[in-house]
mmCIF file of all heavy atoms, coordinates in Angstrom:
data_MODEL
# 
_entry.id   MODEL 
# 
loop_
_atom_site.group_PDB 
_atom_site.id 
_atom_site.type_symbol 
_atom_site.label_atom_id 
_atom_site.label_alt_id 
_atom_site.label_comp_id 
_atom_site.label_asym_id 
_atom_site.label_entity_id 
_atom_site.label_seq_id 
_atom_site.pdbx_PDB_ins_code 
_atom_site.Cartn_x 
_atom_site.Cartn_y 
_atom_site.Cartn_z 
_atom_site.occupancy 
_atom_site.B_iso_or_equiv 
_atom_site.pdbx_formal_charge 
_atom_site.auth_seq_id 
_atom_site.auth_comp_id 
_atom_site.auth_asym_id 
_atom_site.auth_atom_id 
_atom_site.pdbx_PDB_model_num 
ATOM 1   N N   . LEU A 1 1  ? 18.669 -1.450  12.263 1.00 0.00 ? 1  LEU A N   1 
ATOM 2   C CA  . LEU A 1 1  ? 18.789 -1.689  10.831 1.00 0.00 ? 1  LEU A CA  1 
ATOM 3   C C   . LEU A 1 1  ? 17.682 -0.918  10.114 1.00 0.00 ? 1  LEU A C   1 
ATOM 4   O O   . LEU A 1 1  ? 16.511 -0.973  10.511 1.00 0.00 ? 1  LEU A O   1 
ATOM 5   C CB  . LEU A 1 1  ? 18.671 -3.184  10.530 1.00 0.00 ? 1  LEU A CB  1 
ATOM 6   C CG  . LEU A 1 1  ? 19.704 -4.089  11.230 1.00 0.00 ? 1  LEU A CG  1 
ATOM 7   C CD1 . LEU A 1 1  ? 19.443 -5.544  10.874 1.00 0.00 ? 1  LEU A CD1 1 
ATOM 8   C CD2 . LEU A 1 1  ? 21.107 -3.690  10.861 1.00 0.00 ? 1  LEU A CD2 1 
ATOM 9   N N   . PRO A 1 2  ? 18.018 -0.199  9.064  1.00 0.00 ? 2  PRO A N   1 
ATOM 10  C CA  . PRO A 1 2  ? 17.011 0.625   8.364  1.00 0.00 ? 2  PRO A CA  1 
ATOM 11  C C   . PRO A 1 2  ? 16.027 -0.243  7.584  1.00 0.00 ? 2  PRO A C   1 
ATOM 12  O O   . PRO A 1 2  ? 16.239 -1.442  7.408  1.00 0.00 ? 2  PRO A O   1 
ATOM 13  C CB  . PRO A 1 2  ? 17.861 1.500   7.432  1.00 0.00 ? 2  PRO A CB  1 
ATOM 14  C CG  . PRO A 1 2  ? 19.106 0.717   7.210  1.00 0.00 ? 2  PRO A CG  1 
ATOM 15  C CD  . PRO A 1 2  ? 19.365 -0.022  8.492  1.00 0.00 ? 2  PRO A CD  1 
ATOM 16  N N   . PRO A 1 3  ? 14.917 0.328   7.089  1.00 0.00 ? 3  PRO A N   1 
ATOM 17  C CA  . PRO A 1 3  ? 13.866 -0.453  6.410  1.00 0.00 ? 3  PRO A CA  1 
ATOM 18  C C   . PRO A 1 3  ? 14.369 -1.233  5.207  1.00 0.00 ? 3  PRO A C   1 
ATOM 19  O O   . PRO A 1 3  ? 13.954 -2.354  4.978  1.00 0.00 ? 3  PRO A O   1 
ATOM 20  C CB  . PRO A 1 3  ? 12.837 0.602   6.008  1.00 0.00 ? 3  PRO A CB  1 
ATOM 21  C CG  . PRO A 1 3  ? 13.068 1.734   6.947  1.00 0.00 ? 3  PRO A CG  1 
ATOM 22  C CD  . PRO A 1 3  ? 14.535 1.740   7.250  1.00 0.00 ? 3  PRO A CD  1 
ATOM 23  N N   . GLY A 1 4  ? 15.291 -0.681  4.430  1.00 0.00 ? 4  GLY A N   1 
ATOM 24  C CA  . GLY A 1 4  ? 15.745 -1.371  3.237  1.00 0.00 ? 4  GLY A CA  1 
ATOM 25  C C   . GLY A 1 4  ? 16.433 -2.681  3.536  1.00 0.00 ? 4  GLY A C   1 
ATOM 26  O O   . GLY A 1 4  ? 16.466 -3.590  2.705  1.00 0.00 ? 4  GLY A O   1 
ATOM 27  N N   . VAL A 1 5  ? 17.011 -2.835  4.737  1.00 0.00 ? 5  VAL A N   1 
ATOM 28  C CA  . VAL A 1 5  ? 17.734 -4.052  5.092  1.00 0.00 ? 5  VAL A CA  1 
ATOM 29  C C   . VAL A 1 5  ? 16.782 -5.081  5.674  1.00 0.00 ? 5  VAL A C   1 
ATOM 30  O O   . VAL A 1 5  ? 17.042 -6.276  5.639  1.00 0.00 ? 5  VAL A O   1 
ATOM 31  C CB  . VAL A 1 5  ? 18.868 -3.718  6.089  1.00 0.00 ? 5  VAL A CB  1 
ATOM 32  C CG1 . VAL A 1 5  ? 19.641 -4.963  6.480  1.00 0.00 ? 5  VAL A CG1 1 
ATOM 33  C CG2 . VAL A 1 5  ? 19.799 -2.687  5.471  1.00 0.00 ? 5  VAL A CG2 1 
ATOM 34  N N   . THR A 1 6  ? 15.642 -4.646  6.205  1.00 0.00 ? 6  THR A N   1 
ATOM 35  C CA  . THR A 1 6  ? 14.749 -5.556  6.914  1.00 0.00 ? 6  THR A CA  1 
ATOM 36  C C   . THR A 1 6  ? 13.777 -6.281  6.005  1.00 0.00 ? 6  THR A C   1 
ATOM 37  O O   . THR A 1 6  ? 12.897 -6.988  6.472  1.00 0.00 ? 6  THR A O   1 
ATOM 38  C CB  . THR A 1 6  ? 13.948 -4.774  7.968  1.00 0.00 ? 6  THR A CB  1 
ATOM 39  O OG1 . THR A 1 6  ? 13.171 -3.775  7.297  1.00 0.00 ? 6  THR A OG1 1 
ATOM 40  C CG2 . THR A 1 6  ? 14.869 -4.119  8.963  1.00 0.00 ? 6  THR A CG2 1 
ATOM 41  N N   . THR A 1 7  ? 13.882 -6.118  4.689  1.00 0.00 ? 7  THR A N   1 
ATOM 42  C CA  . THR A 1 7  ? 12.979 -6.818  3.784  1.00 0.00 ? 7  THR A CA  1 
ATOM 43  C C   . THR A 1 7  ? 13.401 -8.255  3.549  1.00 0.00 ? 7  THR A C   1 
ATOM 44  O O   . THR A 1 7  ? 12.723 -8.989  2.845  1.00 0.00 ? 7  THR A O   1 
ATOM 45  C CB  . THR A 1 7  ? 12.931 -6.081  2.439  1.00 0.00 ? 7  THR A CB  1 
ATOM 46  O OG1 . THR A 1 7  ? 14.258 -6.010  1.902  1.00 0.00 ? 7  THR A OG1 1 
ATOM 47  C CG2 . THR A 1 7  ? 12.378 -4.679  2.616  1.00 0.00 ? 7  THR A CG2 1 
ATOM 48  N N   . ALA A 1 8  ? 14.544 -8.641  4.136  1.00 0.00 ? 8  ALA A N   1 
ATOM 49  C CA  . ALA A 1 8  ? 15.004 -10.019 3.962  1.00 0.00 ? 8  ALA A CA  1 
ATOM 50  C C   . ALA A 1 8  ? 14.148 -10.944 4.812  1.00 0.00 ? 8  ALA A C   1 
ATOM 51  O O   . ALA A 1 8  ? 13.262 -10.517 5.552  1.00 0.00 ? 8  ALA A O   1 
ATOM 52  C CB  . ALA A 1 8  ? 16.478 -10.129 4.341  1.00 0.00 ? 8  ALA A CB  1 
ATOM 53  N N   . SER A 1 9  ? 14.460 -12.257 4.731  1.00 0.00 ? 9  SER A N   1 
ATOM 54  C CA  . SER A 1 9  ? 13.659 -13.249 5.450  1.00 0.00 ? 9  SER A CA  1 
ATOM 55  C C   . SER A 1 9  ? 13.959 -13.210 6.933  1.00 0.00 ? 9  SER A C   1 
ATOM 56  O O   . SER A 1 9  ? 14.890 -12.559 7.394  1.00 0.00 ? 9  SER A O   1 
ATOM 57  C CB  . SER A 1 9  ? 13.972 -14.646 4.891  1.00 0.00 ? 9  SER A CB  1 
ATOM 58  O OG  . SER A 1 9  ? 15.312 -14.991 5.187  1.00 0.00 ? 9  SER A OG  1 
ATOM 59  N N   . ALA A 1 10 ? 13.141 -13.982 7.687  1.00 0.00 ? 10 ALA A N   1 
ATOM 60  C CA  . ALA A 1 10 ? 13.361 -14.059 9.137  1.00 0.00 ? 10 ALA A CA  1 
ATOM 61  C C   . ALA A 1 10 ? 14.696 -14.673 9.473  1.00 0.00 ? 10 ALA A C   1 
ATOM 62  O O   . ALA A 1 10 ? 15.262 -14.430 10.530 1.00 0.00 ? 10 ALA A O   1 
ATOM 63  C CB  . ALA A 1 10 ? 12.233 -14.861 9.777  1.00 0.00 ? 10 ALA A CB  1 
ATOM 64  N N   . GLY A 1 11 ? 15.202 -15.529 8.572  1.00 0.00 ? 11 GLY A N   1 
ATOM 65  C CA  . GLY A 1 11 ? 16.518 -16.124 8.815  1.00 0.00 ? 11 GLY A CA  1 
ATOM 66  C C   . GLY A 1 11 ? 17.594 -15.080 8.943  1.00 0.00 ? 11 GLY A C   1 
ATOM 67  O O   . GLY A 1 11 ? 18.507 -15.195 9.750  1.00 0.00 ? 11 GLY A O   1 
ATOM 68  N N   . THR A 1 12 ? 17.538 -14.043 8.155  1.00 0.00 ? 12 THR A N   1 
ATOM 69  C CA  . THR A 1 12 ? 18.530 -12.971 8.247  1.00 0.00 ? 12 THR A CA  1 
ATOM 70  C C   . THR A 1 12 ? 18.469 -12.306 9.614  1.00 0.00 ? 12 THR A C   1 
ATOM 71  O O   . THR A 1 12 ? 19.494 -11.978 10.213 1.00 0.00 ? 12 THR A O   1 
ATOM 72  C CB  . THR A 1 12 ? 18.292 -11.934 7.137  1.00 0.00 ? 12 THR A CB  1 
ATOM 73  O OG1 . THR A 1 12 ? 18.367 -12.582 5.874  1.00 0.00 ? 12 THR A OG1 1 
ATOM 74  C CG2 . THR A 1 12 ? 19.334 -10.835 7.203  1.00 0.00 ? 12 THR A CG2 1 
ATOM 75  N N   . MET A 1 13 ? 17.273 -12.119 10.130 1.00 0.00 ? 13 MET A N   1 
ATOM 76  C CA  . MET A 1 13 ? 17.144 -11.542 11.458 1.00 0.00 ? 13 MET A CA  1 
ATOM 77  C C   . MET A 1 13 ? 17.748 -12.473 12.519 1.00 0.00 ? 13 MET A C   1 
ATOM 78  O O   . MET A 1 13 ? 18.377 -12.038 13.479 1.00 0.00 ? 13 MET A O   1 
ATOM 79  C CB  . MET A 1 13 ? 15.666 -11.280 11.771 1.00 0.00 ? 13 MET A CB  1 
ATOM 80  C CG  . MET A 1 13 ? 15.016 -10.232 10.889 1.00 0.00 ? 13 MET A CG  1 
ATOM 81  S SD  . MET A 1 13 ? 15.801 -8.592  11.036 1.00 0.00 ? 13 MET A SD  1 
ATOM 82  C CE  . MET A 1 13 ? 16.861 -8.605  9.561  1.00 0.00 ? 13 MET A CE  1 
ATOM 83  N N   . GLU A 1 14 ? 17.534 -13.770 12.335 1.00 0.00 ? 14 GLU A N   1 
ATOM 84  C CA  . GLU A 1 14 ? 18.091 -14.728 13.286 1.00 0.00 ? 14 GLU A CA  1 
ATOM 85  C C   . GLU A 1 14 ? 19.619 -14.708 13.239 1.00 0.00 ? 14 GLU A C   1 
ATOM 86  O O   . GLU A 1 14 ? 20.281 -14.756 14.273 1.00 0.00 ? 14 GLU A O   1 
ATOM 87  C CB  . GLU A 1 14 ? 17.565 -16.126 12.993 1.00 0.00 ? 14 GLU A CB  1 
ATOM 88  C CG  . GLU A 1 14 ? 18.051 -17.184 13.992 1.00 0.00 ? 14 GLU A CG  1 
ATOM 89  C CD  . GLU A 1 14 ? 17.479 -18.560 13.683 1.00 0.00 ? 14 GLU A CD  1 
ATOM 90  O OE1 . GLU A 1 14 ? 16.712 -18.691 12.716 1.00 0.00 ? 14 GLU A OE1 1 
ATOM 91  O OE2 . GLU A 1 14 ? 17.830 -19.496 14.417 1.00 0.00 ? 14 GLU A OE2 1 
ATOM 92  N N   . GLU A 1 15 ? 20.180 -14.643 12.031 1.00 0.00 ? 15 GLU A N   1 
ATOM 93  C CA  . GLU A 1 15 ? 21.628 -14.565 11.906 1.00 0.00 ? 15 GLU A CA  1 
ATOM 94  C C   . GLU A 1 15 ? 22.165 -13.310 12.581 1.00 0.00 ? 15 GLU A C   1 
ATOM 95  O O   . GLU A 1 15 ? 23.184 -13.344 13.284 1.00 0.00 ? 15 GLU A O   1 
ATOM 96  C CB  . GLU A 1 15 ? 22.015 -14.576 10.433 1.00 0.00 ? 15 GLU A CB  1 
ATOM 97  C CG  . GLU A 1 15 ? 21.747 -15.886 9.722  1.00 0.00 ? 15 GLU A CG  1 
ATOM 98  C CD  . GLU A 1 15 ? 21.985 -15.775 8.226  1.00 0.00 ? 15 GLU A CD  1 
ATOM 99  O OE1 . GLU A 1 15 ? 22.578 -14.755 7.811  1.00 0.00 ? 15 GLU A OE1 1 
ATOM 100 O OE2 . GLU A 1 15 ? 21.606 -16.687 7.494  1.00 0.00 ? 15 GLU A OE2 1 
ATOM 101 N N   . ALA A 1 16 ? 21.489 -12.204 12.336 1.00 0.00 ? 16 ALA A N   1 
ATOM 102 C CA  . ALA A 1 16 ? 21.927 -10.954 12.957 1.00 0.00 ? 16 ALA A CA  1 
ATOM 103 C C   . ALA A 1 16 ? 21.888 -11.063 14.482 1.00 0.00 ? 16 ALA A C   1 
ATOM 104 O O   . ALA A 1 16 ? 22.799 -10.604 15.188 1.00 0.00 ? 16 ALA A O   1 
ATOM 105 C CB  . ALA A 1 16 ? 21.046 -9.802  12.475 1.00 0.00 ? 16 ALA A CB  1 
ATOM 106 N N   . GLU A 1 17 ? 20.816 -11.684 14.988 1.00 0.00 ? 17 GLU A N   1 
ATOM 107 C CA  . GLU A 1 17 ? 20.702 -11.841 16.439 1.00 0.00 ? 17 GLU A CA  1 
ATOM 108 C C   . GLU A 1 17 ? 21.821 -12.722 16.990 1.00 0.00 ? 17 GLU A C   1 
ATOM 109 O O   . GLU A 1 17 ? 22.404 -12.442 18.045 1.00 0.00 ? 17 GLU A O   1 
ATOM 110 C CB  . GLU A 1 17 ? 19.335 -12.436 16.779 1.00 0.00 ? 17 GLU A CB  1 
ATOM 111 C CG  . GLU A 1 17 ? 19.076 -12.513 18.278 1.00 0.00 ? 17 GLU A CG  1 
ATOM 112 C CD  . GLU A 1 17 ? 17.675 -12.992 18.577 1.00 0.00 ? 17 GLU A CD  1 
ATOM 113 O OE1 . GLU A 1 17 ? 16.927 -13.274 17.618 1.00 0.00 ? 17 GLU A OE1 1 
ATOM 114 O OE2 . GLU A 1 17 ? 17.333 -13.083 19.758 1.00 0.00 ? 17 GLU A OE2 1 
ATOM 115 N N   . ILE A 1 18 ? 22.147 -13.820 16.264 1.00 0.00 ? 18 ILE A N   1 
ATOM 116 C CA  . ILE A 1 18 ? 23.224 -14.715 16.719 1.00 0.00 ? 18 ILE A CA  1 
ATOM 117 C C   . ILE A 1 18 ? 24.570 -13.996 16.719 1.00 0.00 ? 18 ILE A C   1 
ATOM 118 O O   . ILE A 1 18 ? 25.364 -14.099 17.662 1.00 0.00 ? 18 ILE A O   1 
ATOM 119 C CB  . ILE A 1 18 ? 23.269 -15.973 15.824 1.00 0.00 ? 18 ILE A CB  1 
ATOM 120 C CG1 . ILE A 1 18 ? 22.018 -16.819 16.056 1.00 0.00 ? 18 ILE A CG1 1 
ATOM 121 C CG2 . ILE A 1 18 ? 24.523 -16.792 16.108 1.00 0.00 ? 18 ILE A CG2 1 
ATOM 122 C CD1 . ILE A 1 18 ? 21.888 -17.985 15.084 1.00 0.00 ? 18 ILE A CD1 1 
ATOM 123 N N   . LEU A 1 19 ? 24.830 -13.234 15.636 1.00 0.00 ? 19 LEU A N   1 
ATOM 124 C CA  . LEU A 1 19 ? 26.102 -12.502 15.575 1.00 0.00 ? 19 LEU A CA  1 
ATOM 125 C C   . LEU A 1 19 ? 26.200 -11.476 16.698 1.00 0.00 ? 19 LEU A C   1 
ATOM 126 O O   . LEU A 1 19 ? 27.239 -11.331 17.350 1.00 0.00 ? 19 LEU A O   1 
ATOM 127 C CB  . LEU A 1 19 ? 26.232 -11.819 14.209 1.00 0.00 ? 19 LEU A CB  1 
ATOM 128 C CG  . LEU A 1 19 ? 26.412 -12.747 12.997 1.00 0.00 ? 19 LEU A CG  1 
ATOM 129 C CD1 . LEU A 1 19 ? 26.443 -11.928 11.714 1.00 0.00 ? 19 LEU A CD1 1 
ATOM 130 C CD2 . LEU A 1 19 ? 27.688 -13.560 13.132 1.00 0.00 ? 19 LEU A CD2 1 
ATOM 131 N N   . LEU A 1 20 ? 25.091 -10.766 16.920 1.00 0.00 ? 20 LEU A N   1 
ATOM 132 C CA  . LEU A 1 20 ? 25.106 -9.773  17.995 1.00 0.00 ? 20 LEU A CA  1 
ATOM 133 C C   . LEU A 1 20 ? 25.288 -10.439 19.360 1.00 0.00 ? 20 LEU A C   1 
ATOM 134 O O   . LEU A 1 20 ? 25.989 -9.919  20.239 1.00 0.00 ? 20 LEU A O   1 
ATOM 135 C CB  . LEU A 1 20 ? 23.811 -8.968  17.972 1.00 0.00 ? 20 LEU A CB  1 
ATOM 136 C CG  . LEU A 1 20 ? 23.680 -7.948  16.842 1.00 0.00 ? 20 LEU A CG  1 
ATOM 137 C CD1 . LEU A 1 20 ? 22.271 -7.371  16.816 1.00 0.00 ? 20 LEU A CD1 1 
ATOM 138 C CD2 . LEU A 1 20 ? 24.713 -6.844  17.002 1.00 0.00 ? 20 LEU A CD2 1 
ATOM 139 N N   . ALA A 1 21 ? 24.654 -11.611 19.545 1.00 0.00 ? 21 ALA A N   1 
ATOM 140 C CA  . ALA A 1 21 ? 24.806 -12.316 20.819 1.00 0.00 ? 21 ALA A CA  1 
ATOM 141 C C   . ALA A 1 21 ? 26.254 -12.721 21.045 1.00 0.00 ? 21 ALA A C   1 
ATOM 142 O O   . ALA A 1 21 ? 26.797 -12.603 22.149 1.00 0.00 ? 21 ALA A O   1 
ATOM 143 C CB  . ALA A 1 21 ? 23.895 -13.544 20.846 1.00 0.00 ? 21 ALA A CB  1 
ATOM 144 N N   . ARG A 1 22 ? 26.910 -13.217 19.988 1.00 0.00 ? 22 ARG A N   1 
ATOM 145 C CA  . ARG A 1 22 ? 28.318 -13.612 20.140 1.00 0.00 ? 22 ARG A CA  1 
ATOM 146 C C   . ARG A 1 22 ? 29.195 -12.410 20.445 1.00 0.00 ? 22 ARG A C   1 
ATOM 147 O O   . ARG A 1 22 ? 30.089 -12.463 21.291 1.00 0.00 ? 22 ARG A O   1 
ATOM 148 C CB  . ARG A 1 22 ? 28.793 -14.299 18.862 1.00 0.00 ? 22 ARG A CB  1 
ATOM 149 C CG  . ARG A 1 22 ? 30.254 -14.729 18.940 1.00 0.00 ? 22 ARG A CG  1 
ATOM 150 C CD  . ARG A 1 22 ? 30.667 -15.599 17.797 1.00 0.00 ? 22 ARG A CD  1 
ATOM 151 N NE  . ARG A 1 22 ? 32.049 -16.011 17.934 1.00 0.00 ? 22 ARG A NE  1 
ATOM 152 C CZ  . ARG A 1 22 ? 32.693 -16.794 17.073 1.00 0.00 ? 22 ARG A CZ  1 
ATOM 153 N NH1 . ARG A 1 22 ? 32.045 -17.263 16.010 1.00 0.00 ? 22 ARG A NH1 1 
ATOM 154 N NH2 . ARG A 1 22 ? 33.957 -17.122 17.265 1.00 0.00 ? 22 ARG A NH2 1 
ATOM 155 N N   . ILE A 1 23 ? 28.945 -11.306 19.731 1.00 0.00 ? 23 ILE A N   1 
ATOM 156 C CA  . ILE A 1 23 ? 29.731 -10.097 19.996 1.00 0.00 ? 23 ILE A CA  1 
ATOM 157 C C   . ILE A 1 23 ? 29.545 -9.648  21.440 1.00 0.00 ? 23 ILE A C   1 
ATOM 158 O O   . ILE A 1 23 ? 30.504 -9.305  22.144 1.00 0.00 ? 23 ILE A O   1 
ATOM 159 C CB  . ILE A 1 23 ? 29.320 -8.986  19.010 1.00 0.00 ? 23 ILE A CB  1 
ATOM 160 C CG1 . ILE A 1 23 ? 29.751 -9.360  17.590 1.00 0.00 ? 23 ILE A CG1 1 
ATOM 161 C CG2 . ILE A 1 23 ? 29.933 -7.650  19.425 1.00 0.00 ? 23 ILE A CG2 1 
ATOM 162 C CD1 . ILE A 1 23 ? 29.189 -8.443  16.518 1.00 0.00 ? 23 ILE A CD1 1 
ATOM 163 N N   . CYS A 1 24 ? 28.311 -9.666  21.924 1.00 0.00 ? 24 CYS A N   1 
ATOM 164 C CA  . CYS A 1 24 ? 28.043 -9.179  23.278 1.00 0.00 ? 24 CYS A CA  1 
ATOM 165 C C   . CYS A 1 24 ? 28.623 -10.123 24.333 1.00 0.00 ? 24 CYS A C   1 
ATOM 166 O O   . CYS A 1 24 ? 29.043 -9.680  25.401 1.00 0.00 ? 24 CYS A O   1 
ATOM 167 C CB  . CYS A 1 24 ? 26.540 -8.995  23.477 1.00 0.00 ? 24 CYS A CB  1 
ATOM 168 S SG  . CYS A 1 24 ? 25.867 -7.614  22.515 1.00 0.00 ? 24 CYS A SG  1 
ATOM 169 N N   . GLU A 1 25 ? 28.622 -11.442 24.071 1.00 0.00 ? 25 GLU A N   1 
ATOM 170 C CA  . GLU A 1 25 ? 29.260 -12.363 25.017 1.00 0.00 ? 25 GLU A CA  1 
ATOM 171 C C   . GLU A 1 25 ? 30.740 -12.021 25.187 1.00 0.00 ? 25 GLU A C   1 
ATOM 172 O O   . GLU A 1 25 ? 31.267 -11.984 26.302 1.00 0.00 ? 25 GLU A O   1 
ATOM 173 C CB  . GLU A 1 25 ? 29.110 -13.798 24.515 1.00 0.00 ? 25 GLU A CB  1 
ATOM 174 C CG  . GLU A 1 25 ? 27.715 -14.377 24.666 1.00 0.00 ? 25 GLU A CG  1 
ATOM 175 C CD  . GLU A 1 25 ? 27.626 -15.784 24.080 1.00 0.00 ? 25 GLU A CD  1 
ATOM 176 O OE1 . GLU A 1 25 ? 28.674 -16.306 23.650 1.00 0.00 ? 25 GLU A OE1 1 
ATOM 177 O OE2 . GLU A 1 25 ? 26.516 -16.330 24.042 1.00 0.00 ? 25 GLU A OE2 1 
# 
């Protein structure tokens, strides 16, 4: 994710991680 997208809160990162985990499963 580029710098402009990473200025959100840690929750956004957690959501992204959960979505990626589900996709990879």
